[in-house]
Amino acid sequence: MITSTKNDTIKQWMKLHKKKYREQTDQFLLEGDHLVEEALGSDWDIEQLIVREDRQYEAWIANYPKTVVTDQVFKALADTPSHKVL
């Protein structure tokens, strides 16, 4: 589990909020259940699912690589404000 926004992996993921870095790395972040489900059902290569530590998720995503993060780290990565608990 990643507990700090100072973690190198988190720093790299946070750079994906900038178009320039997304284009350089050919990577991007998706937020929200619906978009993630759509991506998982596509032919895209999913590198990582970022899961909040208290999140209950469907058993079918167990087959995908996951990184568990604290609520603080999850909020730092999230670009979309939401009242919904993810």
PDB file of N, CA and C in Angstrom:
ATOM      1  N   MET A   1       0.846  -1.176   0.000  1.00  0.00           N
ATOM      2  CA  MET A   1       0.000   0.000   0.000  1.00  0.00           C
ATOM      3  C   MET A   1       0.889   1.235   0.000  1.00  0.00           C
ATOM      4  N   ILE A   2       0.480   2.220  -0.797  1.00  0.00           N
ATOM      5  CA  ILE A   2       1.211   3.490  -0.847  1.00  0.00           C
ATOM      6  C   ILE A   2       0.504   4.477   0.081  1.00  0.00           C
ATOM      7  N   THR A   3       1.272   5.067   0.979  1.00  0.00           N
ATOM      8  CA  THR A   3       0.692   5.930   2.007  1.00  0.00           C
ATOM      9  C   THR A   3       1.118   7.393   1.903  1.00  0.00           C
ATOM     10  N   SER A   4       1.978   7.714   0.935  1.00  0.00           N
ATOM     11  CA  SER A   4       2.508   9.077   0.859  1.00  0.00           C
ATOM     12  C   SER A   4       2.446   9.623  -0.559  1.00  0.00           C
ATOM     13  N   THR A   5       2.103  10.892  -0.678  1.00  0.00           N
ATOM     14  CA  THR A   5       2.110  11.542  -1.984  1.00  0.00           C
ATOM     15  C   THR A   5       3.538  11.839  -2.435  1.00  0.00           C
ATOM     16  N   LYS A   6       4.499  11.619  -1.569  1.00  0.00           N
ATOM     17  CA  LYS A   6       5.902  11.810  -1.927  1.00  0.00           C
ATOM     18  C   LYS A   6       6.519  10.555  -2.547  1.00  0.00           C
ATOM     19  N   ASN A   7       5.754   9.496  -2.621  1.00  0.00           N
ATOM     20  CA  ASN A   7       6.185   8.257  -3.257  1.00  0.00           C
ATOM     21  C   ASN A   7       6.474   8.525  -4.738  1.00  0.00           C
ATOM     22  N   ASP A   8       7.553   7.974  -5.258  1.00  0.00           N
ATOM     23  CA  ASP A   8       7.946   8.233  -6.650  1.00  0.00           C
ATOM     24  C   ASP A   8       6.872   7.805  -7.658  1.00  0.00           C
ATOM     25  N   THR A   9       6.219   6.695  -7.405  1.00  0.00           N
ATOM     26  CA  THR A   9       5.153   6.236  -8.304  1.00  0.00           C
ATOM     27  C   THR A   9       4.006   7.238  -8.327  1.00  0.00           C
ATOM     28  N   ILE A  10       3.621   7.724  -7.173  1.00  0.00           N
ATOM     29  CA  ILE A  10       2.537   8.705  -7.083  1.00  0.00           C
ATOM     30  C   ILE A  10       2.942   9.985  -7.800  1.00  0.00           C
ATOM     31  N   LYS A  11       4.170  10.416  -7.634  1.00  0.00           N
ATOM     32  CA  LYS A  11       4.641  11.615  -8.326  1.00  0.00           C
ATOM     33  C   LYS A  11       4.534  11.450  -9.839  1.00  0.00           C
ATOM     34  N   GLN A  12       4.899  10.274 -10.337  1.00  0.00           N
ATOM     35  CA  GLN A  12       4.796  10.015 -11.774  1.00  0.00           C
ATOM     36  C   GLN A  12       3.335  10.035 -12.228  1.00  0.00           C
ATOM     37  N   TRP A  13       2.473   9.415 -11.449  1.00  0.00           N
ATOM     38  CA  TRP A  13       1.046   9.403 -11.803  1.00  0.00           C
ATOM     39  C   TRP A  13       0.461  10.812 -11.763  1.00  0.00           C
ATOM     40  N   MET A  14       0.887  11.626 -10.833  1.00  0.00           N
ATOM     41  CA  MET A  14       0.358  12.987 -10.730  1.00  0.00           C
ATOM     42  C   MET A  14       0.752  13.824 -11.953  1.00  0.00           C
ATOM     43  N   LYS A  15       1.884  13.509 -12.553  1.00  0.00           N
ATOM     44  CA  LYS A  15       2.297  14.207 -13.763  1.00  0.00           C
ATOM     45  C   LYS A  15       1.319  13.963 -14.912  1.00  0.00           C
ATOM     46  N   LEU A  16       0.575  12.872 -14.847  1.00  0.00           N
ATOM     47  CA  LEU A  16      -0.363  12.549 -15.920  1.00  0.00           C
ATOM     48  C   LEU A  16      -1.532  13.528 -15.998  1.00  0.00           C
ATOM     49  N   HIS A  17      -1.643  14.431 -15.066  1.00  0.00           N
ATOM     50  CA  HIS A  17      -2.658  15.475 -15.145  1.00  0.00           C
ATOM     51  C   HIS A  17      -2.288  16.516 -16.210  1.00  0.00           C
ATOM     52  N   LYS A  18      -1.032  16.495 -16.642  1.00  0.00           N
ATOM     53  CA  LYS A  18      -0.565  17.447 -17.655  1.00  0.00           C
ATOM     54  C   LYS A  18      -0.535  16.769 -19.024  1.00  0.00           C
ATOM     55  N   LYS A  19      -1.120  17.454 -19.993  1.00  0.00           N
ATOM     56  CA  LYS A  19      -1.204  16.919 -21.354  1.00  0.00           C
ATOM     57  C   LYS A  19       0.169  16.543 -21.907  1.00  0.00           C
ATOM     58  N   LYS A  20       1.147  17.390 -21.677  1.00  0.00           N
ATOM     59  CA  LYS A  20       2.495  17.150 -22.190  1.00  0.00           C
ATOM     60  C   LYS A  20       3.030  15.792 -21.716  1.00  0.00           C
ATOM     61  N   TYR A  21       2.845  15.507 -20.450  1.00  0.00           N
ATOM     62  CA  TYR A  21       3.359  14.247 -19.907  1.00  0.00           C
ATOM     63  C   TYR A  21       2.554  13.056 -20.420  1.00  0.00           C
ATOM     64  N   ARG A  22       1.228  13.231 -20.556  1.00  0.00           N
ATOM     65  CA  ARG A  22       0.409  12.147 -21.110  1.00  0.00           C
ATOM     66  C   ARG A  22       0.872  11.795 -22.520  1.00  0.00           C
ATOM     67  N   GLU A  23       1.171  12.819 -23.312  1.00  0.00           N
ATOM     68  CA  GLU A  23       1.628  12.579 -24.675  1.00  0.00           C
ATOM     69  C   GLU A  23       3.009  11.929 -24.699  1.00  0.00           C
ATOM     70  N   GLN A  24       3.884  12.341 -23.803  1.00  0.00           N
ATOM     71  CA  GLN A  24       5.232  11.771 -23.748  1.00  0.00           C
ATOM     72  C   GLN A  24       5.207  10.298 -23.360  1.00  0.00           C
ATOM     73  N   THR A  25       4.338   9.969 -22.412  1.00  0.00           N
ATOM     74  CA  THR A  25       4.328   8.600 -21.882  1.00  0.00           C
ATOM     75  C   THR A  25       3.297   7.698 -22.546  1.00  0.00           C
ATOM     76  N   ASP A  26       2.391   8.306 -23.308  1.00  0.00           N
ATOM     77  CA  ASP A  26       1.281   7.574 -23.918  1.00  0.00           C
ATOM     78  C   ASP A  26       0.478   6.832 -22.846  1.00  0.00           C
ATOM     79  N   GLN A  27       0.255   7.512 -21.736  1.00  0.00           N
ATOM     80  CA  GLN A  27      -0.514   6.988 -20.614  1.00  0.00           C
ATOM     81  C   GLN A  27      -1.499   8.038 -20.144  1.00  0.00           C
ATOM     82  N   PHE A  28      -2.518   7.608 -19.420  1.00  0.00           N
ATOM     83  CA  PHE A  28      -3.464   8.535 -18.824  1.00  0.00           C
ATOM     84  C   PHE A  28      -4.163   7.858 -17.668  1.00  0.00           C
ATOM     85  N   LEU A  29      -4.797   8.664 -16.831  1.00  0.00           N
ATOM     86  CA  LEU A  29      -5.582   8.170 -15.706  1.00  0.00           C
ATOM     87  C   LEU A  29      -7.058   8.269 -16.055  1.00  0.00           C
ATOM     88  N   LEU A  30      -7.833   7.310 -15.611  1.00  0.00           N
ATOM     89  CA  LEU A  30      -9.288   7.360 -15.714  1.00  0.00           C
ATOM     90  C   LEU A  30      -9.858   7.356 -14.315  1.00  0.00           C
ATOM     91  N   GLU A  31     -10.942   8.084 -14.127  1.00  0.00           N
ATOM     92  CA  GLU A  31     -11.592   8.138 -12.819  1.00  0.00           C
ATOM     93  C   GLU A  31     -13.046   7.746 -12.950  1.00  0.00           C
ATOM     94  N   GLY A  32     -13.518   7.051 -11.954  1.00  0.00           N
ATOM     95  CA  GLY A  32     -14.932   6.715 -11.894  1.00  0.00           C
ATOM     96  C   GLY A  32     -15.205   5.295 -12.334  1.00  0.00           C
ATOM     97  N   ASP A  33     -16.184   4.705 -11.693  1.00  0.00           N
ATOM     98  CA  ASP A  33     -16.525   3.310 -11.952  1.00  0.00           C
ATOM     99  C   ASP A  33     -16.846   3.045 -13.412  1.00  0.00           C
ATOM    100  N   HIS A  34     -17.683   3.897 -14.000  1.00  0.00           N
ATOM    101  CA  HIS A  34     -18.130   3.653 -15.366  1.00  0.00           C
ATOM    102  C   HIS A  34     -16.970   3.688 -16.358  1.00  0.00           C
ATOM    103  N   LEU A  35     -16.136   4.715 -16.282  1.00  0.00           N
ATOM    104  CA  LEU A  35     -15.008   4.817 -17.210  1.00  0.00           C
ATOM    105  C   LEU A  35     -14.022   3.670 -17.033  1.00  0.00           C
ATOM    106  N   VAL A  36     -13.792   3.292 -15.799  1.00  0.00           N
ATOM    107  CA  VAL A  36     -12.875   2.178 -15.548  1.00  0.00           C
ATOM    108  C   VAL A  36     -13.446   0.875 -16.107  1.00  0.00           C
ATOM    109  N   GLU A  37     -14.730   0.633 -15.893  1.00  0.00           N
ATOM    110  CA  GLU A  37     -15.364  -0.564 -16.450  1.00  0.00           C
ATOM    111  C   GLU A  37     -15.266  -0.585 -17.971  1.00  0.00           C
ATOM    112  N   GLU A  38     -15.490   0.561 -18.599  1.00  0.00           N
ATOM    113  CA  GLU A  38     -15.387   0.649 -20.061  1.00  0.00           C
ATOM    114  C   GLU A  38     -13.958   0.330 -20.515  1.00  0.00           C
ATOM    115  N   ALA A  39     -12.981   0.869 -19.820  1.00  0.00           N
ATOM    116  CA  ALA A  39     -11.580   0.622 -20.174  1.00  0.00           C
ATOM    117  C   ALA A  39     -11.218  -0.851 -20.007  1.00  0.00           C
ATOM    118  N   LEU A  40     -11.698  -1.454 -18.934  1.00  0.00           N
ATOM    119  CA  LEU A  40     -11.403  -2.869 -18.698  1.00  0.00           C
ATOM    120  C   LEU A  40     -12.044  -3.765 -19.755  1.00  0.00           C
ATOM    121  N   GLY A  41     -13.154  -3.311 -20.309  1.00  0.00           N
ATOM    122  CA  GLY A  41     -13.830  -4.081 -21.351  1.00  0.00           C
ATOM    123  C   GLY A  41     -13.293  -3.801 -22.742  1.00  0.00           C
ATOM    124  N   SER A  42     -12.346  -2.900 -22.861  1.00  0.00           N
ATOM    125  CA  SER A  42     -11.785  -2.540 -24.160  1.00  0.00           C
ATOM    126  C   SER A  42     -10.545  -3.395 -24.450  1.00  0.00           C
ATOM    127  N   ASP A  43      -9.897  -3.087 -25.555  1.00  0.00           N
ATOM    128  CA  ASP A  43      -8.655  -3.798 -25.889  1.00  0.00           C
ATOM    129  C   ASP A  43      -7.414  -3.024 -25.428  1.00  0.00           C
ATOM    130  N   TRP A  44      -7.610  -2.021 -24.584  1.00  0.00           N
ATOM    131  CA  TRP A  44      -6.480  -1.264 -24.047  1.00  0.00           C
ATOM    132  C   TRP A  44      -5.674  -2.127 -23.084  1.00  0.00           C
ATOM    133  N   ASP A  45      -4.402  -1.840 -23.005  1.00  0.00           N
ATOM    134  CA  ASP A  45      -3.544  -2.491 -22.012  1.00  0.00           C
ATOM    135  C   ASP A  45      -3.683  -1.713 -20.707  1.00  0.00           C
ATOM    136  N   ILE A  46      -4.230  -2.353 -19.700  1.00  0.00           N
ATOM    137  CA  ILE A  46      -4.403  -1.725 -18.394  1.00  0.00           C
ATOM    138  C   ILE A  46      -3.139  -2.008 -17.586  1.00  0.00           C
ATOM    139  N   GLU A  47      -2.429  -0.958 -17.231  1.00  0.00           N
ATOM    140  CA  GLU A  47      -1.198  -1.145 -16.482  1.00  0.00           C
ATOM    141  C   GLU A  47      -1.445  -1.297 -14.995  1.00  0.00           C
ATOM    142  N   GLN A  48      -2.438  -0.572 -14.468  1.00  0.00           N
ATOM    143  CA  GLN A  48      -2.624  -0.556 -13.023  1.00  0.00           C
ATOM    144  C   GLN A  48      -3.998  -0.002 -12.674  1.00  0.00           C
ATOM    145  N   LEU A  49      -4.636  -0.605 -11.703  1.00  0.00           N
ATOM    146  CA  LEU A  49      -5.828  -0.028 -11.100  1.00  0.00           C
ATOM    147  C   LEU A  49      -5.396   0.566  -9.772  1.00  0.00           C
ATOM    148  N   ILE A  50      -5.804   1.781  -9.516  1.00  0.00           N
ATOM    149  CA  ILE A  50      -5.463   2.446  -8.260  1.00  0.00           C
ATOM    150  C   ILE A  50      -6.712   2.376  -7.390  1.00  0.00           C
ATOM    151  N   VAL A  51      -6.593   1.694  -6.265  1.00  0.00           N
ATOM    152  CA  VAL A  51      -7.747   1.414  -5.415  1.00  0.00           C
ATOM    153  C   VAL A  51      -7.527   2.038  -4.045  1.00  0.00           C
ATOM    154  N   ARG A  52      -8.530   2.773  -3.577  1.00  0.00           N
ATOM    155  CA  ARG A  52      -8.464   3.353  -2.236  1.00  0.00           C
ATOM    156  C   ARG A  52      -8.567   2.236  -1.207  1.00  0.00           C
ATOM    157  N   GLU A  53      -7.836   2.368  -0.119  1.00  0.00           N
ATOM    158  CA  GLU A  53      -7.702   1.298   0.873  1.00  0.00           C
ATOM    159  C   GLU A  53      -9.027   0.818   1.444  1.00  0.00           C
ATOM    160  N   ASP A  54     -10.011   1.677   1.575  1.00  0.00           N
ATOM    161  CA  ASP A  54     -11.279   1.258   2.172  1.00  0.00           C
ATOM    162  C   ASP A  54     -12.329   0.888   1.127  1.00  0.00           C
ATOM    163  N   ARG A  55     -11.933   0.826  -0.110  1.00  0.00           N
ATOM    164  CA  ARG A  55     -12.863   0.562  -1.207  1.00  0.00           C
ATOM    165  C   ARG A  55     -13.171  -0.927  -1.334  1.00  0.00           C
ATOM    166  N   GLN A  56     -14.436  -1.231  -1.381  1.00  0.00           N
ATOM    167  CA  GLN A  56     -14.876  -2.586  -1.688  1.00  0.00           C
ATOM    168  C   GLN A  56     -15.051  -2.651  -3.202  1.00  0.00           C
ATOM    169  N   TYR A  57     -14.406  -3.592  -3.852  1.00  0.00           N
ATOM    170  CA  TYR A  57     -14.514  -3.671  -5.300  1.00  0.00           C
ATOM    171  C   TYR A  57     -14.989  -5.055  -5.713  1.00  0.00           C
ATOM    172  N   GLU A  58     -15.499  -5.092  -6.920  1.00  0.00           N
ATOM    173  CA  GLU A  58     -16.044  -6.333  -7.460  1.00  0.00           C
ATOM    174  C   GLU A  58     -14.942  -7.378  -7.597  1.00  0.00           C
ATOM    175  N   ALA A  59     -15.291  -8.617  -7.389  1.00  0.00           N
ATOM    176  CA  ALA A  59     -14.317  -9.710  -7.454  1.00  0.00           C
ATOM    177  C   ALA A  59     -13.679  -9.833  -8.839  1.00  0.00           C
ATOM    178  N   TRP A  60     -14.398  -9.456  -9.894  1.00  0.00           N
ATOM    179  CA  TRP A  60     -13.863  -9.631 -11.249  1.00  0.00           C
ATOM    180  C   TRP A  60     -12.656  -8.749 -11.536  1.00  0.00           C
ATOM    181  N   ILE A  61     -12.428  -7.697 -10.768  1.00  0.00           N
ATOM    182  CA  ILE A  61     -11.232  -6.889 -11.018  1.00  0.00           C
ATOM    183  C   ILE A  61      -9.997  -7.472 -10.331  1.00  0.00           C
ATOM    184  N   ALA A  62     -10.185  -8.556  -9.626  1.00  0.00           N
ATOM    185  CA  ALA A  62      -9.051  -9.193  -8.950  1.00  0.00           C
ATOM    186  C   ALA A  62      -7.997  -9.667  -9.949  1.00  0.00           C
ATOM    187  N   ASN A  63      -8.363  -9.851 -11.195  1.00  0.00           N
ATOM    188  CA  ASN A  63      -7.426 -10.328 -12.218  1.00  0.00           C
ATOM    189  C   ASN A  63      -6.534  -9.224 -12.779  1.00  0.00           C
ATOM    190  N   TYR A  64      -6.742  -8.011 -12.354  1.00  0.00           N
ATOM    191  CA  TYR A  64      -5.960  -6.884 -12.860  1.00  0.00           C
ATOM    192  C   TYR A  64      -4.959  -6.416 -11.811  1.00  0.00           C
ATOM    193  N   PRO A  65      -3.808  -5.904 -12.264  1.00  0.00           N
ATOM    194  CA  PRO A  65      -2.835  -5.386 -11.295  1.00  0.00           C
ATOM    195  C   PRO A  65      -3.405  -4.172 -10.575  1.00  0.00           C
ATOM    196  N   LYS A  66      -3.212  -4.145  -9.276  1.00  0.00           N
ATOM    197  CA  LYS A  66      -3.762  -3.079  -8.453  1.00  0.00           C
ATOM    198  C   LYS A  66      -2.695  -2.507  -7.530  1.00  0.00           C
ATOM    199  N   THR A  67      -2.842  -1.224  -7.258  1.00  0.00           N
ATOM    200  CA  THR A  67      -2.065  -0.571  -6.213  1.00  0.00           C
ATOM    201  C   THR A  67      -3.059   0.026  -5.244  1.00  0.00           C
ATOM    202  N   VAL A  68      -2.923  -0.313  -3.999  1.00  0.00           N
ATOM    203  CA  VAL A  68      -3.801   0.217  -2.960  1.00  0.00           C
ATOM    204  C   VAL A  68      -3.143   1.459  -2.381  1.00  0.00           C
ATOM    205  N   VAL A  69      -3.958   2.517  -2.243  1.00  0.00           N
ATOM    206  CA  VAL A  69      -3.450   3.777  -1.709  1.00  0.00           C
ATOM    207  C   VAL A  69      -4.373   4.258  -0.594  1.00  0.00           C
ATOM    208  N   THR A  70      -3.842   5.120   0.250  1.00  0.00           N
ATOM    209  CA  THR A  70      -4.653   5.710   1.319  1.00  0.00           C
ATOM    210  C   THR A  70      -5.623   6.723   0.726  1.00  0.00           C
ATOM    211  N   ASP A  71      -6.598   7.130   1.530  1.00  0.00           N
ATOM    212  CA  ASP A  71      -7.572   8.121   1.102  1.00  0.00           C
ATOM    213  C   ASP A  71      -6.867   9.425   0.717  1.00  0.00           C
ATOM    214  N   GLN A  72      -5.882   9.827   1.491  1.00  0.00           N
ATOM    215  CA  GLN A  72      -5.133  11.059   1.221  1.00  0.00           C
ATOM    216  C   GLN A  72      -4.455  10.993  -0.152  1.00  0.00           C
ATOM    217  N   VAL A  73      -3.815   9.896  -0.444  1.00  0.00           N
ATOM    218  CA  VAL A  73      -3.130   9.735  -1.730  1.00  0.00           C
ATOM    219  C   VAL A  73      -4.149   9.691  -2.863  1.00  0.00           C
ATOM    220  N   PHE A  74      -5.243   8.986  -2.646  1.00  0.00           N
ATOM    221  CA  PHE A  74      -6.288   8.880  -3.659  1.00  0.00           C
ATOM    222  C   PHE A  74      -6.839  10.263  -4.015  1.00  0.00           C
ATOM    223  N   LYS A  75      -7.097  11.067  -3.009  1.00  0.00           N
ATOM    224  CA  LYS A  75      -7.620  12.416  -3.248  1.00  0.00           C
ATOM    225  C   LYS A  75      -6.604  13.278  -3.996  1.00  0.00           C
ATOM    226  N   ALA A  76      -5.330  13.093  -3.709  1.00  0.00           N
ATOM    227  CA  ALA A  76      -4.294  13.856  -4.403  1.00  0.00           C
ATOM    228  C   ALA A  76      -4.230  13.472  -5.882  1.00  0.00           C
ATOM    229  N   LEU A  77      -4.495  12.217  -6.186  1.00  0.00           N
ATOM    230  CA  LEU A  77      -4.460  11.742  -7.570  1.00  0.00           C
ATOM    231  C   LEU A  77      -5.720  12.117  -8.342  1.00  0.00           C
ATOM    232  N   ALA A  78      -6.833  12.212  -7.642  1.00  0.00           N
ATOM    233  CA  ALA A  78      -8.117  12.472  -8.300  1.00  0.00           C
ATOM    234  C   ALA A  78      -8.142  13.881  -8.875  1.00  0.00           C
ATOM    235  N   ASP A  79      -8.624  13.962 -10.095  1.00  0.00           N
ATOM    236  CA  ASP A  79      -8.732  15.252 -10.761  1.00  0.00           C
ATOM    237  C   ASP A  79     -10.168  15.750 -10.764  1.00  0.00           C
ATOM    238  N   THR A  80     -11.094  14.848 -10.515  1.00  0.00           N
ATOM    239  CA  THR A  80     -12.515  15.183 -10.554  1.00  0.00           C
ATOM    240  C   THR A  80     -13.076  15.226  -9.145  1.00  0.00           C
ATOM    241  N   PRO A  81     -13.572  16.394  -8.701  1.00  0.00           N
ATOM    242  CA  PRO A  81     -14.197  16.420  -7.380  1.00  0.00           C
ATOM    243  C   PRO A  81     -15.512  15.647  -7.426  1.00  0.00           C
ATOM    244  N   SER A  82     -15.779  14.909  -6.377  1.00  0.00           N
ATOM    245  CA  SER A  82     -16.987  14.095  -6.355  1.00  0.00           C
ATOM    246  C   SER A  82     -17.462  13.927  -4.928  1.00  0.00           C
ATOM    247  N   HIS A  83     -18.757  13.866  -4.786  1.00  0.00           N
ATOM    248  CA  HIS A  83     -19.332  13.580  -3.487  1.00  0.00           C
ATOM    249  C   HIS A  83     -19.478  12.085  -3.275  1.00  0.00           C
ATOM    250  N   LYS A  84     -19.317  11.339  -4.347  1.00  0.00           N
ATOM    251  CA  LYS A  84     -19.451   9.894  -4.284  1.00  0.00           C
ATOM    252  C   LYS A  84     -18.187   9.291  -3.685  1.00  0.00           C
ATOM    253  N   VAL A  85     -18.360   8.326  -2.828  1.00  0.00           N
ATOM    254  CA  VAL A  85     -17.217   7.619  -2.250  1.00  0.00           C
ATOM    255  C   VAL A  85     -16.752   6.598  -3.272  1.00  0.00           C
ATOM    256  N   LEU A  86     -15.487   6.692  -3.672  1.00  0.00           N
ATOM    257  CA  LEU A  86     -14.948   5.764  -4.652  1.00  0.00           C
ATOM    258  C   LEU A  86     -14.151   4.672  -3.973  1.00  0.00           C
TER     259      LEU A  86
END
